[in-house]
Amino acid sequence: MPETATHDIVRASDSMALLIVLAALTFLMVAAYRGHSVILFAPVAALGAVLATDPGLVAPMFTGLFMDKMVGFLKLYFPVFLLGAVFGKLIEISGFSKSIVVATIRAVGAQRAMLAIVLVCAILTYGGVSLFVVVFAVYPFAAELFRQSNIPKRLIPGTIALGAFTFTMDALPGTPQIQNIIPTSFFGTDTWAAPLLGATGAVFIFFCGMTYLEWRRRAALATGEGYGENLVNEPAPFAGGKLVHPLIAILPLVLVGLSNKLLTVWIPRAYGSSHEFVPAVIGNAAPVVQEVAKVAAIWAVMGALLAGIATVLVFAWTPVMRSFAEGTKQAIGGALLAAMNTASEYGFGAVIAALPGFLMVANALGAIPNPLVNEAITVTSLAGITGSASGGMSIALAAMSETFIANAQAAGIPLEVFHRVASMASGGMDTLPHNGAVITLLSVTGLTHRQSYRDIFAITAIKTLAVFVVIATYYAIGWV
């Protein structure tokens, strides 16, 4: 066969592999946007792509990769989802959320309800509280605050997304979120890398995001749209007596943030780099060995949530006990759904990343000439394809960090700048409709993609643009 003909076949095969990956991604995004369960359609999309690539790998990929990654995610994170949901429910039925809302309206005014929610989310995430926990914890009093301020409920997801999924997740220097930690192991940096650039990006995101949300609020007000009717997953009205003092009401939220920070420091010191125990007193069972570094953050969040739950019980035992059984049933159901949605997304991303078409995407992105723009587009594209900021960035840096480092040395760019660009880019296009955090946010708030995804995507676009603002700032001023 002539050499040119062989090249045409390879090129056609490569093109087909790329189309398969893009088709699977598009299918899942459309399914999620139309309100179908990601728990069902994530494996359908992933295995459909495998079927079109190599039919013999469908069963092995399902059990050996999709289910392995999905179960691994649940093994690590389901307790966080569960405790976060219970904590949020107790904040609701104790009346603490209503107390916080009343105090917030008194302090900043009803017209600044969105600003209040953004700031609360920002404080919690910058304090180290998981993004998923913030959704559960903040939603009850966000709903109450929006209701009293007569702001459409459909704007809550975009507001929470701005406060929890953007500038405090990966832009502000020192943030303890995983998106700011992953680059340290590849570039030899720390979480405070490029503080001026990070702060610049954070300010840009905050002001542009608030401007957008306020425009949306004023547009709804002009048309006479209120909070809404016939809504689902509405927090139950507080049925107790006198509300507690707002300082007591916010105490559990503050304790969650502080406890998480303290436990993050204390756990590695107490347990060392690894810990082992014998799981049985009869027989010769092999010891269970755990690398503490891989679970310390999860242990810290669990301990912090337990401290928050205990604090609510101490100060609001009577009102909580009136609705504890029914309330916790609802919380557990919500936690199961949210965790399974996200875990299915995690399995989908793992399967897609193992296909030939995904490698083509990664290689094509590597051809972009400017080193920082190359890194930004590569990381945010892979995060979008996998539906995961941490997953997409991990894949990008594992495959291309040596290239990025070589480019940095050749261009004389500090690795701290590469750290900040990678971190911020991971939180850009990751929030496409099939993203696990987006699905969890919509599930918890009882809204659909049709109702609220427009605002989440607008915040996503602002966040993605901020990465290039940071790059332009570096080249124009030289800030690090």
Foldseek 3Di string as FASTA:
>chain_A
DDPVVVVVVVVVLLVVLQVLLVVLLVVLLVCQQVPHFLLPSLLVSLLSSVCSFPVVCSVVLVVVFLVVLLVVLCVQCLLLLLLLLLLLLLLQLLCLLVLLLVVVCVPPNLLCLLVVLLVLQQVLQQLPADLLSSLSNSLQSSLVSQQVSFFALLCVLLSSCLNHQFLLQFQAAPRPHVLLCVVCVLQVDHSRFQRVLSVLLSVLLVVVSVVVSSVVRVVCVVVVHGHDPPFPLHRDHHPDDDHDNNVLSCVLSVQLSVQLNVQLVVVCVVAPQKHWDAPDPDDDGDIDMDGCVVRSSSVSNSVSSVSSVVSSCVVRVVSCVVCVVVSSVVSSVLSVSLSSLQSSLSSSLRSSCPGSSVVVLLVVLCVDPDLLVSLLCQQLVQLLSSLHLSVSLNSNCVVCSVVSVVNCVVVVHRVSLVSSLSSLSSSANSVRSSHSSSSSSCSNSRHGSVSHVVSVNVSSNSSSVSSVVSVVCCVVPVRD
